[in-house]
Amino acid sequence: CLPISRNVFQYACYGITKPKTVMRKGQFVPI
């Protein structure tokens, strides 16, 4: 994603550059 400064939109804003990936739980680890 393209991160856009939080100072502009108050909250974190991201531009989406790629189609979404659909996964099932257990295939990733949260940070």
Full PDB file with SEQRES, HELIX, SHEET, SSBOND, CRYST1, ORIGX, SCALE, CONECT and MASTER records, all heavy atoms in Angstrom:
SEQRES   1 A   31  CYS LEU PRO ILE SER ARG ASN VAL PHE GLN TYR ALA CYS          
SEQRES   2 A   31  TYR GLY ILE THR LYS PRO LYS THR VAL MET ARG LYS GLY          
SEQRES   3 A   31  GLN PHE VAL PRO ILE                                          
HELIX    1 AA1 ARG A    6  PHE A    9  1                                   4    
SHEET    1 AA1 2 LEU A   2  ILE A   4  0                                        
SHEET    2 AA1 2 CYS A  13  GLY A  15 -1                                        
CRYST1    1.000    1.000    1.000  90.00  90.00  90.00 P 1           1          
ORIGX1      1.000000  0.000000  0.000000        0.00000                         
ORIGX2      0.000000  1.000000  0.000000        0.00000                         
ORIGX3      0.000000  0.000000  1.000000        0.00000                         
SCALE1      1.000000  0.000000  0.000000        0.00000                         
SCALE2      0.000000  1.000000  0.000000        0.00000                         
SCALE3      0.000000  0.000000  1.000000        0.00000                         
ATOM      1  N   CYS A   1       0.828  -1.199   0.000  1.00  0.00           N  
ATOM      2  CA  CYS A   1       0.000   0.000   0.000  1.00  0.00           C  
ATOM      3  C   CYS A   1       0.870   1.259   0.000  1.00  0.00           C  
ATOM      4  O   CYS A   1       2.018   1.247   0.438  1.00  0.00           O  
ATOM      5  CB  CYS A   1      -0.908   0.013   1.220  1.00  0.00           C  
ATOM      6  SG  CYS A   1      -2.042  -1.381   1.290  1.00  0.00           S  
ATOM      7  N   LEU A   2       0.301   2.330  -0.487  1.00  0.00           N  
ATOM      8  CA  LEU A   2       0.965   3.634  -0.448  1.00  0.00           C  
ATOM      9  C   LEU A   2       0.540   4.350   0.831  1.00  0.00           C  
ATOM     10  O   LEU A   2      -0.617   4.763   0.958  1.00  0.00           O  
ATOM     11  CB  LEU A   2       0.582   4.470  -1.669  1.00  0.00           C  
ATOM     12  CG  LEU A   2       1.083   5.918  -1.668  1.00  0.00           C  
ATOM     13  CD1 LEU A   2       2.606   5.963  -1.795  1.00  0.00           C  
ATOM     14  CD2 LEU A   2       0.420   6.730  -2.787  1.00  0.00           C  
ATOM     15  N   PRO A   3       1.431   4.504   1.812  1.00  0.00           N  
ATOM     16  CA  PRO A   3       1.044   5.211   3.050  1.00  0.00           C  
ATOM     17  C   PRO A   3       0.962   6.709   2.807  1.00  0.00           C  
ATOM     18  O   PRO A   3       1.827   7.288   2.139  1.00  0.00           O  
ATOM     19  CB  PRO A   3       2.178   4.858   4.013  1.00  0.00           C  
ATOM     20  CG  PRO A   3       3.354   4.574   3.140  1.00  0.00           C  
ATOM     21  CD  PRO A   3       2.823   4.012   1.859  1.00  0.00           C  
ATOM     22  N   ILE A   4      -0.083   7.318   3.319  1.00  0.00           N  
ATOM     23  CA  ILE A   4      -0.288   8.765   3.204  1.00  0.00           C  
ATOM     24  C   ILE A   4      -0.212   9.351   4.603  1.00  0.00           C  
ATOM     25  O   ILE A   4      -0.765   8.791   5.551  1.00  0.00           O  
ATOM     26  CB  ILE A   4      -1.632   9.091   2.534  1.00  0.00           C  
ATOM     27  CG1 ILE A   4      -1.686   8.451   1.142  1.00  0.00           C  
ATOM     28  CG2 ILE A   4      -1.840  10.593   2.427  1.00  0.00           C  
ATOM     29  CD1 ILE A   4      -2.998   8.620   0.436  1.00  0.00           C  
ATOM     30  N   SER A   5       0.434  10.474   4.726  1.00  0.00           N  
ATOM     31  CA  SER A   5       0.711  11.061   6.035  1.00  0.00           C  
ATOM     32  C   SER A   5      -0.542  11.176   6.889  1.00  0.00           C  
ATOM     33  O   SER A   5      -1.587  11.638   6.432  1.00  0.00           O  
ATOM     34  CB  SER A   5       1.333  12.457   5.860  1.00  0.00           C  
ATOM     35  OG  SER A   5       1.452  13.105   7.106  1.00  0.00           O  
ATOM     36  N   ARG A   6      -0.428  10.756   8.144  1.00  0.00           N  
ATOM     37  CA  ARG A   6      -1.535  10.874   9.088  1.00  0.00           C  
ATOM     38  C   ARG A   6      -1.904  12.339   9.345  1.00  0.00           C  
ATOM     39  O   ARG A   6      -3.043  12.660   9.691  1.00  0.00           O  
ATOM     40  CB  ARG A   6      -1.154  10.193  10.399  1.00  0.00           C  
ATOM     41  CG  ARG A   6      -2.252  10.152  11.443  1.00  0.00           C  
ATOM     42  CD  ARG A   6      -1.715   9.646  12.759  1.00  0.00           C  
ATOM     43  NE  ARG A   6      -1.314   8.249  12.674  1.00  0.00           N  
ATOM     44  CZ  ARG A   6      -2.101   7.237  13.045  1.00  0.00           C  
ATOM     45  NH1 ARG A   6      -3.301   7.473  13.502  1.00  0.00           N  
ATOM     46  NH2 ARG A   6      -1.671   5.997  12.960  1.00  0.00           N  
ATOM     47  N   ASN A   7      -0.946  13.243   9.156  1.00  0.00           N  
ATOM     48  CA  ASN A   7      -1.205  14.662   9.398  1.00  0.00           C  
ATOM     49  C   ASN A   7      -2.252  15.227   8.440  1.00  0.00           C  
ATOM     50  O   ASN A   7      -2.916  16.210   8.738  1.00  0.00           O  
ATOM     51  CB  ASN A   7       0.095  15.466   9.257  1.00  0.00           C  
ATOM     52  CG  ASN A   7       1.108  15.101  10.317  1.00  0.00           C  
ATOM     53  OD1 ASN A   7       0.747  14.680  11.417  1.00  0.00           O  
ATOM     54  ND2 ASN A   7       2.388  15.248   9.992  1.00  0.00           N  
ATOM     55  N   VAL A   8      -2.397  14.596   7.271  1.00  0.00           N  
ATOM     56  CA  VAL A   8      -3.330  15.104   6.268  1.00  0.00           C  
ATOM     57  C   VAL A   8      -4.755  14.685   6.592  1.00  0.00           C  
ATOM     58  O   VAL A   8      -5.680  15.494   6.563  1.00  0.00           O  
ATOM     59  CB  VAL A   8      -2.931  14.604   4.861  1.00  0.00           C  
ATOM     60  CG1 VAL A   8      -3.944  15.071   3.821  1.00  0.00           C  
ATOM     61  CG2 VAL A   8      -1.529  15.085   4.504  1.00  0.00           C  
ATOM     62  N   PHE A   9      -4.972  13.417   6.902  1.00  0.00           N  
ATOM     63  CA  PHE A   9      -6.321  12.885   7.052  1.00  0.00           C  
ATOM     64  C   PHE A   9      -6.676  12.506   8.483  1.00  0.00           C  
ATOM     65  O   PHE A   9      -7.667  11.838   8.707  1.00  0.00           O  
ATOM     66  CB  PHE A   9      -6.491  11.672   6.137  1.00  0.00           C  
ATOM     67  CG  PHE A   9      -6.232  11.971   4.694  1.00  0.00           C  
ATOM     68  CD1 PHE A   9      -5.242  11.310   4.007  1.00  0.00           C  
ATOM     69  CD2 PHE A   9      -6.972  12.929   4.035  1.00  0.00           C  
ATOM     70  CE1 PHE A   9      -4.993  11.587   2.675  1.00  0.00           C  
ATOM     71  CE2 PHE A   9      -6.735  13.220   2.707  1.00  0.00           C  
ATOM     72  CZ  PHE A   9      -5.742  12.551   2.030  1.00  0.00           C  
ATOM     73  N   GLN A  10      -5.864  12.864   9.459  1.00  0.00           N  
ATOM     74  CA  GLN A  10      -6.107  12.628  10.885  1.00  0.00           C  
ATOM     75  C   GLN A  10      -5.896  11.167  11.260  1.00  0.00           C  
ATOM     76  O   GLN A  10      -5.315  10.864  12.299  1.00  0.00           O  
ATOM     77  CB  GLN A  10      -7.513  13.072  11.281  1.00  0.00           C  
ATOM     78  CG  GLN A  10      -7.785  12.972  12.783  1.00  0.00           C  
ATOM     79  CD  GLN A  10      -9.166  13.452  13.155  1.00  0.00           C  
ATOM     80  OE1 GLN A  10      -9.958  13.823  12.297  1.00  0.00           O  
ATOM     81  NE2 GLN A  10      -9.469  13.438  14.430  1.00  0.00           N  
ATOM     82  N   TYR A  11      -6.351  10.239  10.419  1.00  0.00           N  
ATOM     83  CA  TYR A  11      -6.152   8.823  10.676  1.00  0.00           C  
ATOM     84  C   TYR A  11      -5.217   8.239   9.610  1.00  0.00           C  
ATOM     85  O   TYR A  11      -4.963   8.857   8.584  1.00  0.00           O  
ATOM     86  CB  TYR A  11      -7.493   8.075  10.649  1.00  0.00           C  
ATOM     87  CG  TYR A  11      -8.431   8.502  11.750  1.00  0.00           C  
ATOM     88  CD1 TYR A  11      -9.479   9.381  11.499  1.00  0.00           C  
ATOM     89  CD2 TYR A  11      -8.262   8.041  13.054  1.00  0.00           C  
ATOM     90  CE1 TYR A  11     -10.345   9.782  12.505  1.00  0.00           C  
ATOM     91  CE2 TYR A  11      -9.116   8.442  14.073  1.00  0.00           C  
ATOM     92  CZ  TYR A  11     -10.154   9.312  13.794  1.00  0.00           C  
ATOM     93  OH  TYR A  11     -10.994   9.701  14.799  1.00  0.00           O  
ATOM     94  N   ALA A  12      -4.717   7.043   9.879  1.00  0.00           N  
ATOM     95  CA  ALA A  12      -3.848   6.382   8.904  1.00  0.00           C  
ATOM     96  C   ALA A  12      -4.612   6.145   7.610  1.00  0.00           C  
ATOM     97  O   ALA A  12      -5.740   5.642   7.609  1.00  0.00           O  
ATOM     98  CB  ALA A  12      -3.352   5.054   9.478  1.00  0.00           C  
ATOM     99  N   CYS A  13      -3.995   6.509   6.490  1.00  0.00           N  
ATOM    100  CA  CYS A  13      -4.639   6.372   5.183  1.00  0.00           C  
ATOM    101  C   CYS A  13      -3.675   5.656   4.241  1.00  0.00           C  
ATOM    102  O   CYS A  13      -2.472   5.950   4.225  1.00  0.00           O  
ATOM    103  CB  CYS A  13      -5.023   7.740   4.622  1.00  0.00           C  
ATOM    104  SG  CYS A  13      -5.828   7.677   2.997  1.00  0.00           S  
ATOM    105  N   TYR A  14      -4.204   4.723   3.464  1.00  0.00           N  
ATOM    106  CA  TYR A  14      -3.385   3.942   2.544  1.00  0.00           C  
ATOM    107  C   TYR A  14      -4.048   3.888   1.178  1.00  0.00           C  
ATOM    108  O   TYR A  14      -5.258   3.644   1.070  1.00  0.00           O  
ATOM    109  CB  TYR A  14      -3.190   2.510   3.062  1.00  0.00           C  
ATOM    110  CG  TYR A  14      -2.470   2.432   4.379  1.00  0.00           C  
ATOM    111  CD1 TYR A  14      -3.184   2.446   5.571  1.00  0.00           C  
ATOM    112  CD2 TYR A  14      -1.088   2.364   4.436  1.00  0.00           C  
ATOM    113  CE1 TYR A  14      -2.523   2.381   6.796  1.00  0.00           C  
ATOM    114  CE2 TYR A  14      -0.419   2.303   5.651  1.00  0.00           C  
ATOM    115  CZ  TYR A  14      -1.138   2.314   6.817  1.00  0.00           C  
ATOM    116  OH  TYR A  14      -0.492   2.259   8.020  1.00  0.00           O  
ATOM    117  N   GLY A  15      -3.241   4.096   0.137  1.00  0.00           N  
ATOM    118  CA  GLY A  15      -3.705   3.874  -1.225  1.00  0.00           C  
ATOM    119  C   GLY A  15      -3.438   2.432  -1.613  1.00  0.00           C  
ATOM    120  O   GLY A  15      -2.350   1.899  -1.378  1.00  0.00           O  
ATOM    121  N   ILE A  16      -4.439   1.782  -2.194  1.00  0.00           N  
ATOM    122  CA  ILE A  16      -4.342   0.360  -2.532  1.00  0.00           C  
ATOM    123  C   ILE A  16      -3.772   0.223  -3.940  1.00  0.00           C  
ATOM    124  O   ILE A  16      -4.354   0.732  -4.908  1.00  0.00           O  
ATOM    125  CB  ILE A  16      -5.714  -0.323  -2.430  1.00  0.00           C  
ATOM    126  CG1 ILE A  16      -6.303  -0.115  -1.020  1.00  0.00           C  
ATOM    127  CG2 ILE A  16      -5.597  -1.803  -2.764  1.00  0.00           C  
ATOM    128  CD1 ILE A  16      -5.415  -0.590   0.098  1.00  0.00           C  
ATOM    129  N   THR A  17      -2.645  -0.469  -4.051  1.00  0.00           N  
ATOM    130  CA  THR A  17      -1.949  -0.607  -5.330  1.00  0.00           C  
ATOM    131  C   THR A  17      -2.110  -1.982  -5.961  1.00  0.00           C  
ATOM    132  O   THR A  17      -1.802  -2.160  -7.137  1.00  0.00           O  
ATOM    133  CB  THR A  17      -0.439  -0.335  -5.148  1.00  0.00           C  
ATOM    134  OG1 THR A  17       0.110  -1.312  -4.257  1.00  0.00           O  
ATOM    135  CG2 THR A  17      -0.211   1.044  -4.561  1.00  0.00           C  
ATOM    136  N   LYS A  18      -2.549  -2.985  -5.195  1.00  0.00           N  
ATOM    137  CA  LYS A  18      -2.678  -4.345  -5.708  1.00  0.00           C  
ATOM    138  C   LYS A  18      -4.023  -4.932  -5.286  1.00  0.00           C  
ATOM    139  O   LYS A  18      -4.605  -4.519  -4.285  1.00  0.00           O  
ATOM    140  CB  LYS A  18      -1.549  -5.236  -5.166  1.00  0.00           C  
ATOM    141  CG  LYS A  18      -0.155  -4.860  -5.629  1.00  0.00           C  
ATOM    142  CD  LYS A  18       0.883  -5.819  -5.039  1.00  0.00           C  
ATOM    143  CE  LYS A  18       0.620  -7.239  -5.465  1.00  0.00           C  
ATOM    144  NZ  LYS A  18       1.644  -8.179  -4.941  1.00  0.00           N  
ATOM    145  N   PRO A  19      -4.523  -5.920  -6.054  1.00  0.00           N  
ATOM    146  CA  PRO A  19      -5.751  -6.600  -5.631  1.00  0.00           C  
ATOM    147  C   PRO A  19      -5.548  -7.285  -4.287  1.00  0.00           C  
ATOM    148  O   PRO A  19      -4.425  -7.632  -3.904  1.00  0.00           O  
ATOM    149  CB  PRO A  19      -5.994  -7.623  -6.753  1.00  0.00           C  
ATOM    150  CG  PRO A  19      -5.235  -7.103  -7.923  1.00  0.00           C  
ATOM    151  CD  PRO A  19      -4.037  -6.405  -7.358  1.00  0.00           C  
ATOM    152  N   LYS A  20      -6.637  -7.495  -3.582  1.00  0.00           N  
ATOM    153  CA  LYS A  20      -6.545  -8.107  -2.261  1.00  0.00           C  
ATOM    154  C   LYS A  20      -6.155  -9.575  -2.361  1.00  0.00           C  
ATOM    155  O   LYS A  20      -6.412 -10.250  -3.366  1.00  0.00           O  
ATOM    156  CB  LYS A  20      -7.879  -7.975  -1.528  1.00  0.00           C  
ATOM    157  CG  LYS A  20      -9.017  -8.771  -2.169  1.00  0.00           C  
ATOM    158  CD  LYS A  20     -10.336  -8.523  -1.446  1.00  0.00           C  
ATOM    159  CE  LYS A  20     -11.480  -9.273  -2.132  1.00  0.00           C  
ATOM    160  NZ  LYS A  20     -12.779  -8.990  -1.488  1.00  0.00           N  
ATOM    161  N   THR A  21      -5.506 -10.059  -1.303  1.00  0.00           N  
ATOM    162  CA  THR A  21      -5.185 -11.477  -1.154  1.00  0.00           C  
ATOM    163  C   THR A  21      -6.089 -12.053  -0.070  1.00  0.00           C  
ATOM    164  O   THR A  21      -6.170 -11.508   1.034  1.00  0.00           O  
ATOM    165  CB  THR A  21      -3.715 -11.673  -0.748  1.00  0.00           C  
ATOM    166  OG1 THR A  21      -2.875 -11.111  -1.762  1.00  0.00           O  
ATOM    167  CG2 THR A  21      -3.395 -13.150  -0.587  1.00  0.00           C  
ATOM    168  N   VAL A  22      -6.780 -13.122  -0.374  1.00  0.00           N  
ATOM    169  CA  VAL A  22      -7.691 -13.760   0.578  1.00  0.00           C  
ATOM    170  C   VAL A  22      -6.990 -14.980   1.173  1.00  0.00           C  
ATOM    171  O   VAL A  22      -6.533 -15.863   0.446  1.00  0.00           O  
ATOM    172  CB  VAL A  22      -9.007 -14.173  -0.092  1.00  0.00           C  
ATOM    173  CG1 VAL A  22      -9.921 -14.864   0.918  1.00  0.00           C  
ATOM    174  CG2 VAL A  22      -9.697 -12.956  -0.703  1.00  0.00           C  
ATOM    175  N   MET A  23      -6.896 -15.002   2.494  1.00  0.00           N  
ATOM    176  CA  MET A  23      -6.225 -16.110   3.185  1.00  0.00           C  
ATOM    177  C   MET A  23      -7.115 -16.619   4.316  1.00  0.00           C  
ATOM    178  O   MET A  23      -8.060 -15.943   4.735  1.00  0.00           O  
ATOM    179  CB  MET A  23      -4.883 -15.637   3.764  1.00  0.00           C  
ATOM    180  CG  MET A  23      -3.972 -14.949   2.768  1.00  0.00           C  
ATOM    181  SD  MET A  23      -2.354 -14.594   3.461  1.00  0.00           S  
ATOM    182  CE  MET A  23      -1.565 -16.178   3.254  1.00  0.00           C  
ATOM    183  N   ARG A  24      -6.767 -17.793   4.785  1.00  0.00           N  
ATOM    184  CA  ARG A  24      -7.436 -18.349   5.951  1.00  0.00           C  
ATOM    185  C   ARG A  24      -6.589 -18.114   7.191  1.00  0.00           C  
ATOM    186  O   ARG A  24      -5.359 -18.008   7.098  1.00  0.00           O  
ATOM    187  CB  ARG A  24      -7.708 -19.847   5.775  1.00  0.00           C  
ATOM    188  CG  ARG A  24      -8.749 -20.145   4.715  1.00  0.00           C  
ATOM    189  CD  ARG A  24      -9.139 -21.606   4.710  1.00  0.00           C  
ATOM    190  NE  ARG A  24     -10.191 -21.865   3.743  1.00  0.00           N  
ATOM    191  CZ  ARG A  24     -11.486 -21.690   3.979  1.00  0.00           C  
ATOM    192  NH1 ARG A  24     -11.885 -21.281   5.178  1.00  0.00           N  
ATOM    193  NH2 ARG A  24     -12.376 -21.933   3.043  1.00  0.00           N  
ATOM    194  N   LYS A  25      -7.225 -18.040   8.325  1.00  0.00           N  
ATOM    195  CA  LYS A  25      -6.486 -17.835   9.569  1.00  0.00           C  
ATOM    196  C   LYS A  25      -5.499 -18.976   9.785  1.00  0.00           C  
ATOM    197  O   LYS A  25      -5.771 -20.119   9.454  1.00  0.00           O  
ATOM    198  CB  LYS A  25      -7.461 -17.759  10.748  1.00  0.00           C  
ATOM    199  CG  LYS A  25      -8.339 -16.517  10.706  1.00  0.00           C  
ATOM    200  CD  LYS A  25      -9.300 -16.479  11.873  1.00  0.00           C  
ATOM    201  CE  LYS A  25     -10.183 -15.250  11.790  1.00  0.00           C  
ATOM    202  NZ  LYS A  25     -11.175 -15.209  12.879  1.00  0.00           N  
ATOM    203  N   GLY A  26      -4.343 -18.624  10.352  1.00  0.00           N  
ATOM    204  CA  GLY A  26      -3.293 -19.593  10.543  1.00  0.00           C  
ATOM    205  C   GLY A  26      -2.207 -19.487   9.501  1.00  0.00           C  
ATOM    206  O   GLY A  26      -1.106 -20.015   9.672  1.00  0.00           O  
ATOM    207  N   GLN A  27      -2.495 -18.769   8.385  1.00  0.00           N  
ATOM    208  CA  GLN A  27      -1.498 -18.564   7.339  1.00  0.00           C  
ATOM    209  C   GLN A  27      -0.683 -17.301   7.558  1.00  0.00           C  
ATOM    210  O   GLN A  27       0.190 -16.990   6.775  1.00  0.00           O  
ATOM    211  CB  GLN A  27      -2.178 -18.498   5.969  1.00  0.00           C  
ATOM    212  CG  GLN A  27      -2.808 -19.804   5.522  1.00  0.00           C  
ATOM    213  CD  GLN A  27      -3.459 -19.671   4.166  1.00  0.00           C  
ATOM    214  OE1 GLN A  27      -4.540 -19.138   4.042  1.00  0.00           O  
ATOM    215  NE2 GLN A  27      -2.778 -20.149   3.151  1.00  0.00           N  
ATOM    216  N   PHE A  28      -1.007 -16.549   8.593  1.00  0.00           N  
ATOM    217  CA  PHE A  28      -0.264 -15.331   8.882  1.00  0.00           C  
ATOM    218  C   PHE A  28      -0.154 -15.161  10.388  1.00  0.00           C  
ATOM    219  O   PHE A  28      -0.868 -15.801  11.160  1.00  0.00           O  
ATOM    220  CB  PHE A  28      -0.959 -14.112   8.268  1.00  0.00           C  
ATOM    221  CG  PHE A  28      -2.263 -13.785   8.942  1.00  0.00           C  
ATOM    222  CD1 PHE A  28      -2.325 -12.794   9.911  1.00  0.00           C  
ATOM    223  CD2 PHE A  28      -3.415 -14.463   8.634  1.00  0.00           C  
ATOM    224  CE1 PHE A  28      -3.521 -12.498  10.550  1.00  0.00           C  
ATOM    225  CE2 PHE A  28      -4.614 -14.176   9.255  1.00  0.00           C  
ATOM    226  CZ  PHE A  28      -4.671 -13.191  10.213  1.00  0.00           C  
ATOM    227  N   VAL A  29       0.793 -14.297  10.808  1.00  0.00           N  
ATOM    228  CA  VAL A  29       1.022 -14.023  12.227  1.00  0.00           C  
ATOM    229  C   VAL A  29       0.822 -12.535  12.476  1.00  0.00           C  
ATOM    230  O   VAL A  29       1.520 -11.711  11.889  1.00  0.00           O  
ATOM    231  CB  VAL A  29       2.449 -14.441  12.660  1.00  0.00           C  
ATOM    232  CG1 VAL A  29       2.670 -14.107  14.128  1.00  0.00           C  
ATOM    233  CG2 VAL A  29       2.664 -15.910  12.385  1.00  0.00           C  
ATOM    234  N   PRO A  30      -0.146 -12.140  13.326  1.00  0.00           N  
ATOM    235  CA  PRO A  30      -0.351 -10.709  13.581  1.00  0.00           C  
ATOM    236  C   PRO A  30       0.842 -10.071  14.272  1.00  0.00           C  
ATOM    237  O   PRO A  30       1.560 -10.716  15.039  1.00  0.00           O  
ATOM    238  CB  PRO A  30      -1.587 -10.690  14.494  1.00  0.00           C  
ATOM    239  CG  PRO A  30      -2.219 -12.040  14.318  1.00  0.00           C  
ATOM    240  CD  PRO A  30      -1.097 -12.978  14.035  1.00  0.00           C  
ATOM    241  N   ILE A  31       1.039  -8.815  14.002  1.00  0.00           N  
ATOM    242  CA  ILE A  31       2.073  -8.027  14.677  1.00  0.00           C  
ATOM    243  C   ILE A  31       1.369  -7.049  15.608  1.00  0.00           C  
ATOM    244  O   ILE A  31       0.520  -6.280  15.186  1.00  0.00           O  
ATOM    245  CB  ILE A  31       2.943  -7.246  13.672  1.00  0.00           C  
ATOM    246  CG1 ILE A  31       3.768  -8.213  12.828  1.00  0.00           C  
ATOM    247  CG2 ILE A  31       3.865  -6.278  14.388  1.00  0.00           C  
ATOM    248  CD1 ILE A  31       4.637  -7.516  11.808  1.00  0.00           C  
TER     249      ILE A  31                                                      
MASTER        0    0    0    1    2    0    0    6  248    1    0    3          
END                                                                             
